[in-house]
């Protein structure tokens, strides 16, 4: 096993880089981070829309969340893979096809995190803001959102962990990431498939366990800070 990791460790980590495109777990992290960053502004609109007083906005935001949380990511990837080139009338690289699909998928989950963060705030703050003459958007962006975003950080990190695991599906459209590198290694070795995918699972476990631990530490810190402020 040691010789196997010594031979293919860098391929698991960065794919064929620097001789080719970056891949492996570096590609996975880039894909997950970029997709989550692009999904967040969309989720912010949808999440706040879920708490909006205007019924049509609330209804449309709810439909978006329920639809894309109910569809498997692999289906959205296939839709993006076949529909985007037709709509844009040009070939779309697999990486950006994957980003587009993950952005749509993750925006629904992030929107629920944002909605939960906003609704977890004490109702008295909104009532006090309204009593002071602040409108809906003033209350949202000056009072509710700054507090909610802070409390959302652990949940956002946990969602990042879920996104990292979800990216393993995109190897089916040829995106250079960890699962794709494992497939290449497996085709080189021809034997030892179990060993290849055990190492892949180990890499996933280490990264996700580290991020999950970081989320728990941040959550404990934020809880202690809130308790300290309350006393």
C-alpha atoms as a PDB file:
ATOM      1  CA  UNK A   1       0.000   0.000   0.000  1.00  0.00           C
ATOM      2  CA  UNK A   2       2.874   2.386   0.848  1.00  0.00           C
ATOM      3  CA  UNK A   3       4.478   1.843  -2.575  1.00  0.00           C
ATOM      4  CA  UNK A   4       1.120   2.407  -4.251  1.00  0.00           C
ATOM      5  CA  UNK A   5       0.591   5.749  -2.446  1.00  0.00           C
ATOM      6  CA  UNK A   6       4.206   6.737  -3.131  1.00  0.00           C
ATOM      7  CA  UNK A   7       3.690   6.062  -6.860  1.00  0.00           C
ATOM      8  CA  UNK A   8       0.246   7.582  -7.320  1.00  0.00           C
ATOM      9  CA  UNK A   9      -0.074   9.961  -4.361  1.00  0.00           C
ATOM     10  CA  UNK A  10       0.577  13.106  -6.427  1.00  0.00           C
ATOM     11  CA  UNK A  11      -1.868  11.920  -9.084  1.00  0.00           C
ATOM     12  CA  UNK A  12      -4.533  11.594  -6.393  1.00  0.00           C
ATOM     13  CA  UNK A  13      -3.675  15.078  -5.127  1.00  0.00           C
ATOM     14  CA  UNK A  14      -3.249  17.140  -8.329  1.00  0.00           C
ATOM     15  CA  UNK A  15      -3.978  14.820 -11.259  1.00  0.00           C
ATOM     16  CA  UNK A  16      -1.625  15.237 -14.227  1.00  0.00           C
ATOM     17  CA  UNK A  17      -0.567  18.766 -13.216  1.00  0.00           C
ATOM     18  CA  UNK A  18       1.877  20.445 -14.036  1.00  0.00           C
ATOM     19  CA  UNK A  19       2.161  18.425 -17.253  1.00  0.00           C
ATOM     20  CA  UNK A  20      -1.595  18.648 -17.813  1.00  0.00           C
ATOM     21  CA  UNK A  21      -4.751  20.162 -16.308  1.00  0.00           C
ATOM     22  CA  UNK A  22      -4.992  20.256 -12.536  1.00  0.00           C
ATOM     23  CA  UNK A  23      -7.137  17.486 -11.135  1.00  0.00           C
ATOM     24  CA  UNK A  24      -7.267  15.061  -8.217  1.00  0.00           C
ATOM     25  CA  UNK A  25      -8.310  16.462  -4.872  1.00  0.00           C
ATOM     26  CA  UNK A  26      -7.009  19.894  -5.822  1.00  0.00           C
ATOM     27  CA  UNK A  27      -9.498  19.843  -8.707  1.00  0.00           C
ATOM     28  CA  UNK A  28     -12.232  18.617  -6.356  1.00  0.00           C
ATOM     29  CA  UNK A  29     -11.611  21.448  -3.875  1.00  0.00           C
ATOM     30  CA  UNK A  30     -11.477  24.073  -6.640  1.00  0.00           C
ATOM     31  CA  UNK A  31     -14.713  22.768  -8.158  1.00  0.00           C
ATOM     32  CA  UNK A  32     -16.515  22.614  -4.800  1.00  0.00           C
ATOM     33  CA  UNK A  33     -15.299  26.020  -3.592  1.00  0.00           C
ATOM     34  CA  UNK A  34     -16.044  27.778  -6.886  1.00  0.00           C
ATOM     35  CA  UNK A  35     -19.503  26.192  -7.163  1.00  0.00           C
ATOM     36  CA  UNK A  36     -20.425  27.054  -3.578  1.00  0.00           C
ATOM     37  CA  UNK A  37     -19.176  30.642  -3.969  1.00  0.00           C
ATOM     38  CA  UNK A  38     -21.206  31.086  -7.166  1.00  0.00           C
ATOM     39  CA  UNK A  39     -24.281  29.454  -5.605  1.00  0.00           C
ATOM     40  CA  UNK A  40     -24.261  31.661  -2.508  1.00  0.00           C
ATOM     41  CA  UNK A  41     -25.539  34.925  -4.104  1.00  0.00           C
ATOM     42  CA  UNK A  42     -28.359  32.981  -5.785  1.00  0.00           C
ATOM     43  CA  UNK A  43     -29.146  31.236  -2.506  1.00  0.00           C
ATOM     44  CA  UNK A  44     -29.129  34.584  -0.715  1.00  0.00           C
ATOM     45  CA  UNK A  45     -31.877  35.851  -3.011  1.00  0.00           C
ATOM     46  CA  UNK A  46     -33.895  32.647  -2.752  1.00  0.00           C
ATOM     47  CA  UNK A  47     -33.419  32.277   1.009  1.00  0.00           C
ATOM     48  CA  UNK A  48     -34.524  35.835   1.714  1.00  0.00           C
ATOM     49  CA  UNK A  49     -37.327  35.329  -0.793  1.00  0.00           C
ATOM     50  CA  UNK A  50     -38.564  32.455   1.358  1.00  0.00           C
ATOM     51  CA  UNK A  51     -39.102  34.903   4.220  1.00  0.00           C
ATOM     52  CA  UNK A  52     -40.393  37.755   2.032  1.00  0.00           C
ATOM     53  CA  UNK A  53     -43.758  39.371   2.748  1.00  0.00           C
ATOM     54  CA  UNK A  54     -44.612  39.424  -0.978  1.00  0.00           C
ATOM     55  CA  UNK A  55     -46.486  36.176  -1.689  1.00  0.00           C
ATOM     56  CA  UNK A  56     -45.406  35.702  -5.311  1.00  0.00           C
ATOM     57  CA  UNK A  57     -41.706  36.028  -4.396  1.00  0.00           C
ATOM     58  CA  UNK A  58     -42.145  33.638  -1.477  1.00  0.00           C
ATOM     59  CA  UNK A  59     -43.985  31.134  -3.714  1.00  0.00           C
ATOM     60  CA  UNK A  60     -41.372  31.235  -6.506  1.00  0.00           C
ATOM     61  CA  UNK A  61     -38.526  30.846  -4.009  1.00  0.00           C
ATOM     62  CA  UNK A  62     -40.275  27.886  -2.392  1.00  0.00           C
ATOM     63  CA  UNK A  63     -40.792  26.206  -5.780  1.00  0.00           C
ATOM     64  CA  UNK A  64     -37.088  26.606  -6.621  1.00  0.00           C
ATOM     65  CA  UNK A  65     -36.047  25.025  -3.312  1.00  0.00           C
ATOM     66  CA  UNK A  66     -38.471  22.106  -3.451  1.00  0.00           C
ATOM     67  CA  UNK A  67     -37.796  21.324  -7.113  1.00  0.00           C
ATOM     68  CA  UNK A  68     -33.993  21.291  -7.014  1.00  0.00           C
ATOM     69  CA  UNK A  69     -33.761  19.591  -3.612  1.00  0.00           C
ATOM     70  CA  UNK A  70     -35.950  16.799  -4.977  1.00  0.00           C
ATOM     71  CA  UNK A  71     -33.941  16.115  -8.163  1.00  0.00           C
ATOM     72  CA  UNK A  72     -30.729  14.036  -7.974  1.00  0.00           C
ATOM     73  CA  UNK A  73     -27.582  15.968  -8.847  1.00  0.00           C
ATOM     74  CA  UNK A  74     -26.734  13.475 -11.584  1.00  0.00           C
ATOM     75  CA  UNK A  75     -29.944  14.418 -13.438  1.00  0.00           C
ATOM     76  CA  UNK A  76     -29.068  18.129 -13.280  1.00  0.00           C
ATOM     77  CA  UNK A  77     -25.565  17.314 -14.579  1.00  0.00           C
ATOM     78  CA  UNK A  78     -27.036  15.455 -17.555  1.00  0.00           C
ATOM     79  CA  UNK A  79     -29.449  18.327 -18.268  1.00  0.00           C
ATOM     80  CA  UNK A  80     -26.588  20.830 -18.139  1.00  0.00           C
ATOM     81  CA  UNK A  81     -24.362  18.591 -20.278  1.00  0.00           C
ATOM     82  CA  UNK A  82     -26.918  18.239 -23.077  1.00  0.00           C
ATOM     83  CA  UNK A  83     -28.878  21.503 -22.782  1.00  0.00           C
ATOM     84  CA  UNK A  84     -26.191  24.162 -22.221  1.00  0.00           C
ATOM     85  CA  UNK A  85     -24.392  23.642 -25.582  1.00  0.00           C
ATOM     86  CA  UNK A  86     -27.779  23.788 -27.353  1.00  0.00           C
ATOM     87  CA  UNK A  87     -28.909  26.941 -25.552  1.00  0.00           C
ATOM     88  CA  UNK A  88     -25.584  28.766 -25.855  1.00  0.00           C
ATOM     89  CA  UNK A  89     -24.838  27.370 -29.335  1.00  0.00           C
ATOM     90  CA  UNK A  90     -21.248  26.609 -28.414  1.00  0.00           C
ATOM     91  CA  UNK A  91     -19.326  23.774 -26.790  1.00  0.00           C
ATOM     92  CA  UNK A  92     -19.108  24.079 -22.991  1.00  0.00           C
ATOM     93  CA  UNK A  93     -16.059  22.561 -21.228  1.00  0.00           C
ATOM     94  CA  UNK A  94     -16.995  19.740 -18.827  1.00  0.00           C
ATOM     95  CA  UNK A  95     -15.641  21.706 -15.837  1.00  0.00           C
ATOM     96  CA  UNK A  96     -18.010  24.642 -16.402  1.00  0.00           C
ATOM     97  CA  UNK A  97     -20.890  22.273 -17.138  1.00  0.00           C
ATOM     98  CA  UNK A  98     -20.272  20.697 -13.734  1.00  0.00           C
ATOM     99  CA  UNK A  99     -20.035  24.110 -12.049  1.00  0.00           C
ATOM    100  CA  UNK A 100     -23.359  25.184 -13.586  1.00  0.00           C
ATOM    101  CA  UNK A 101     -25.105  22.008 -12.423  1.00  0.00           C
ATOM    102  CA  UNK A 102     -23.687  22.142  -8.889  1.00  0.00           C
ATOM    103  CA  UNK A 103     -24.535  25.855  -8.551  1.00  0.00           C
ATOM    104  CA  UNK A 104     -28.205  25.168  -9.339  1.00  0.00           C
ATOM    105  CA  UNK A 105     -28.296  22.142  -7.032  1.00  0.00           C
ATOM    106  CA  UNK A 106     -26.470  23.718  -4.092  1.00  0.00           C
ATOM    107  CA  UNK A 107     -28.376  27.015  -4.285  1.00  0.00           C
ATOM    108  CA  UNK A 108     -31.512  25.182  -3.093  1.00  0.00           C
ATOM    109  CA  UNK A 109     -29.728  23.748  -0.039  1.00  0.00           C
ATOM    110  CA  UNK A 110     -27.912  26.979   0.797  1.00  0.00           C
ATOM    111  CA  UNK A 111     -31.210  28.876   0.517  1.00  0.00           C
ATOM    112  CA  UNK A 112     -32.663  26.717   3.291  1.00  0.00           C
ATOM    113  CA  UNK A 113     -29.624  27.405   5.477  1.00  0.00           C
ATOM    114  CA  UNK A 114     -30.131  31.140   4.936  1.00  0.00           C
ATOM    115  CA  UNK A 115     -33.872  30.902   5.593  1.00  0.00           C
ATOM    116  CA  UNK A 116     -33.230  28.949   8.791  1.00  0.00           C
ATOM    117  CA  UNK A 117     -30.620  31.475   9.933  1.00  0.00           C
ATOM    118  CA  UNK A 118     -33.004  34.387   9.399  1.00  0.00           C
ATOM    119  CA  UNK A 119     -35.960  32.716  11.091  1.00  0.00           C
ATOM    120  CA  UNK A 120     -33.823  31.665  14.074  1.00  0.00           C
ATOM    121  CA  UNK A 121     -33.312  35.302  15.065  1.00  0.00           C
ATOM    122  CA  UNK A 122     -35.549  36.662  17.861  1.00  0.00           C
ATOM    123  CA  UNK A 123     -38.778  38.090  16.430  1.00  0.00           C
ATOM    124  CA  UNK A 124     -38.479  41.035  18.818  1.00  0.00           C
ATOM    125  CA  UNK A 125     -35.597  42.465  16.781  1.00  0.00           C
ATOM    126  CA  UNK A 126     -37.772  42.772  13.681  1.00  0.00           C
ATOM    127  CA  UNK A 127     -40.618  44.265  15.700  1.00  0.00           C
ATOM    128  CA  UNK A 128     -38.262  46.812  17.278  1.00  0.00           C
ATOM    129  CA  UNK A 129     -36.854  47.733  13.855  1.00  0.00           C
ATOM    130  CA  UNK A 130     -40.334  48.238  12.460  1.00  0.00           C
ATOM    131  CA  UNK A 131     -41.260  50.356  15.487  1.00  0.00           C
ATOM    132  CA  UNK A 132     -38.257  52.564  14.668  1.00  0.00           C
ATOM    133  CA  UNK A 133     -39.601  53.056  11.155  1.00  0.00           C
ATOM    134  CA  UNK A 134     -37.234  50.745   9.281  1.00  0.00           C
ATOM    135  CA  UNK A 135     -38.653  49.044   6.181  1.00  0.00           C
ATOM    136  CA  UNK A 136     -38.422  45.367   5.264  1.00  0.00           C
ATOM    137  CA  UNK A 137     -35.156  45.611   3.310  1.00  0.00           C
ATOM    138  CA  UNK A 138     -33.540  47.963   5.828  1.00  0.00           C
ATOM    139  CA  UNK A 139     -34.377  45.543   8.626  1.00  0.00           C
ATOM    140  CA  UNK A 140     -33.148  42.584   6.574  1.00  0.00           C
ATOM    141  CA  UNK A 141     -29.769  43.978   5.527  1.00  0.00           C
ATOM    142  CA  UNK A 142     -28.837  46.077   8.573  1.00  0.00           C
ATOM    143  CA  UNK A 143     -30.157  43.953  11.449  1.00  0.00           C
ATOM    144  CA  UNK A 144     -31.080  40.398  10.433  1.00  0.00           C
ATOM    145  CA  UNK A 145     -28.541  39.424   7.770  1.00  0.00           C
ATOM    146  CA  UNK A 146     -25.300  40.363   9.622  1.00  0.00           C
ATOM    147  CA  UNK A 147     -26.332  38.243  12.616  1.00  0.00           C
ATOM    148  CA  UNK A 148     -27.699  35.388  10.540  1.00  0.00           C
ATOM    149  CA  UNK A 149     -24.586  35.103   8.360  1.00  0.00           C
ATOM    150  CA  UNK A 150     -22.383  34.718  11.423  1.00  0.00           C
ATOM    151  CA  UNK A 151     -24.522  31.901  12.828  1.00  0.00           C
ATOM    152  CA  UNK A 152     -24.628  30.206   9.403  1.00  0.00           C
ATOM    153  CA  UNK A 153     -20.850  29.680   9.147  1.00  0.00           C
ATOM    154  CA  UNK A 154     -20.801  26.140  10.652  1.00  0.00           C
ATOM    155  CA  UNK A 155     -23.735  25.080   8.461  1.00  0.00           C
ATOM    156  CA  UNK A 156     -22.032  26.537   5.379  1.00  0.00           C
ATOM    157  CA  UNK A 157     -18.876  24.555   6.177  1.00  0.00           C
ATOM    158  CA  UNK A 158     -20.939  21.383   6.544  1.00  0.00           C
ATOM    159  CA  UNK A 159     -22.544  22.117   3.181  1.00  0.00           C
ATOM    160  CA  UNK A 160     -19.060  22.537   1.713  1.00  0.00           C
ATOM    161  CA  UNK A 161     -18.283  19.004   2.964  1.00  0.00           C
ATOM    162  CA  UNK A 162     -21.430  17.719   1.234  1.00  0.00           C
ATOM    163  CA  UNK A 163     -20.444  19.537  -1.956  1.00  0.00           C
ATOM    164  CA  UNK A 164     -16.975  17.947  -1.923  1.00  0.00           C
ATOM    165  CA  UNK A 165     -18.563  14.497  -1.753  1.00  0.00           C
ATOM    166  CA  UNK A 166     -21.143  15.396  -4.417  1.00  0.00           C
ATOM    167  CA  UNK A 167     -18.432  16.401  -6.916  1.00  0.00           C
ATOM    168  CA  UNK A 168     -17.398  12.750  -7.247  1.00  0.00           C
ATOM    169  CA  UNK A 169     -20.341  12.296  -9.639  1.00  0.00           C
ATOM    170  CA  UNK A 170     -18.986  14.697 -12.254  1.00  0.00           C
ATOM    171  CA  UNK A 171     -16.277  12.278 -13.406  1.00  0.00           C
ATOM    172  CA  UNK A 172     -18.965  10.778 -15.684  1.00  0.00           C
ATOM    173  CA  UNK A 173     -18.709  13.845 -17.962  1.00  0.00           C
ATOM    174  CA  UNK A 174     -14.899  13.854 -17.903  1.00  0.00           C
ATOM    175  CA  UNK A 175     -14.160  16.502 -15.241  1.00  0.00           C
ATOM    176  CA  UNK A 176     -10.655  16.213 -13.788  1.00  0.00           C
ATOM    177  CA  UNK A 177     -11.227  15.653 -10.064  1.00  0.00           C
ATOM    178  CA  UNK A 178     -10.470  12.969  -7.457  1.00  0.00           C
ATOM    179  CA  UNK A 179     -12.781  10.218  -8.748  1.00  0.00           C
ATOM    180  CA  UNK A 180     -11.573  10.832 -12.319  1.00  0.00           C
ATOM    181  CA  UNK A 181      -7.944  10.485 -11.168  1.00  0.00           C
ATOM    182  CA  UNK A 182      -8.829   7.236  -9.380  1.00  0.00           C
ATOM    183  CA  UNK A 183     -10.384   5.933 -12.590  1.00  0.00           C
ATOM    184  CA  UNK A 184      -7.203   6.817 -14.528  1.00  0.00           C
ATOM    185  CA  UNK A 185      -5.016   5.097 -11.923  1.00  0.00           C
ATOM    186  CA  UNK A 186      -7.264   2.045 -12.030  1.00  0.00           C
ATOM    187  CA  UNK A 187      -6.904   1.850 -15.827  1.00  0.00           C
ATOM    188  CA  UNK A 188      -3.108   2.045 -15.482  1.00  0.00           C
ATOM    189  CA  UNK A 189      -2.888  -0.606 -12.755  1.00  0.00           C
ATOM    190  CA  UNK A 190      -5.519  -2.915 -14.286  1.00  0.00           C
ATOM    191  CA  UNK A 191      -5.473  -4.855 -11.008  1.00  0.00           C
ATOM    192  CA  UNK A 192      -5.932  -3.703  -7.444  1.00  0.00           C
ATOM    193  CA  UNK A 193      -9.214  -1.852  -7.990  1.00  0.00           C
ATOM    194  CA  UNK A 194     -10.155  -2.217  -4.333  1.00  0.00           C
ATOM    195  CA  UNK A 195      -6.839  -0.679  -3.256  1.00  0.00           C
ATOM    196  CA  UNK A 196      -7.331   2.303  -5.597  1.00  0.00           C
ATOM    197  CA  UNK A 197     -10.780   3.113  -4.290  1.00  0.00           C
ATOM    198  CA  UNK A 198      -9.768   2.525  -0.674  1.00  0.00           C
ATOM    199  CA  UNK A 199      -7.101   5.219  -1.068  1.00  0.00           C
ATOM    200  CA  UNK A 200      -9.683   7.478  -2.731  1.00  0.00           C
ATOM    201  CA  UNK A 201     -12.069   6.922   0.201  1.00  0.00           C
ATOM    202  CA  UNK A 202      -9.235   7.665   2.642  1.00  0.00           C
ATOM    203  CA  UNK A 203      -8.524  11.012   0.975  1.00  0.00           C
ATOM    204  CA  UNK A 204     -12.218  11.925   1.065  1.00  0.00           C
ATOM    205  CA  UNK A 205     -12.445  10.884   4.703  1.00  0.00           C
ATOM    206  CA  UNK A 206      -9.450  12.957   5.803  1.00  0.00           C
ATOM    207  CA  UNK A 207     -10.579  16.145   4.042  1.00  0.00           C
ATOM    208  CA  UNK A 208     -14.227  15.864   5.094  1.00  0.00           C
ATOM    209  CA  UNK A 209     -13.359  14.894   8.687  1.00  0.00           C
ATOM    210  CA  UNK A 210     -11.044  17.904   8.977  1.00  0.00           C
ATOM    211  CA  UNK A 211     -13.681  20.305   7.663  1.00  0.00           C
ATOM    212  CA  UNK A 212     -16.402  18.754   9.847  1.00  0.00           C
ATOM    213  CA  UNK A 213     -14.167  19.165  12.886  1.00  0.00           C
ATOM    214  CA  UNK A 214     -13.541  22.795  11.938  1.00  0.00           C
ATOM    215  CA  UNK A 215     -17.310  23.352  11.667  1.00  0.00           C
ATOM    216  CA  UNK A 216     -17.838  21.920  15.176  1.00  0.00           C
ATOM    217  CA  UNK A 217     -15.087  24.109  16.637  1.00  0.00           C
ATOM    218  CA  UNK A 218     -16.571  27.209  14.994  1.00  0.00           C
ATOM    219  CA  UNK A 219     -20.055  26.294  16.212  1.00  0.00           C
ATOM    220  CA  UNK A 220     -18.806  25.853  19.790  1.00  0.00           C
ATOM    221  CA  UNK A 221     -16.953  29.176  19.577  1.00  0.00           C
ATOM    222  CA  UNK A 222     -20.026  31.014  18.276  1.00  0.00           C
ATOM    223  CA  UNK A 223     -22.244  29.443  20.951  1.00  0.00           C
ATOM    224  CA  UNK A 224     -19.785  30.465  23.671  1.00  0.00           C
ATOM    225  CA  UNK A 225     -19.649  33.969  22.239  1.00  0.00           C
ATOM    226  CA  UNK A 226     -23.448  34.236  22.225  1.00  0.00           C
ATOM    227  CA  UNK A 227     -23.683  32.969  25.813  1.00  0.00           C
ATOM    228  CA  UNK A 228     -20.994  35.437  26.854  1.00  0.00           C
ATOM    229  CA  UNK A 229     -22.863  38.298  25.207  1.00  0.00           C
ATOM    230  CA  UNK A 230     -26.109  37.198  26.858  1.00  0.00           C
ATOM    231  CA  UNK A 231     -24.569  37.300  30.326  1.00  0.00           C
END
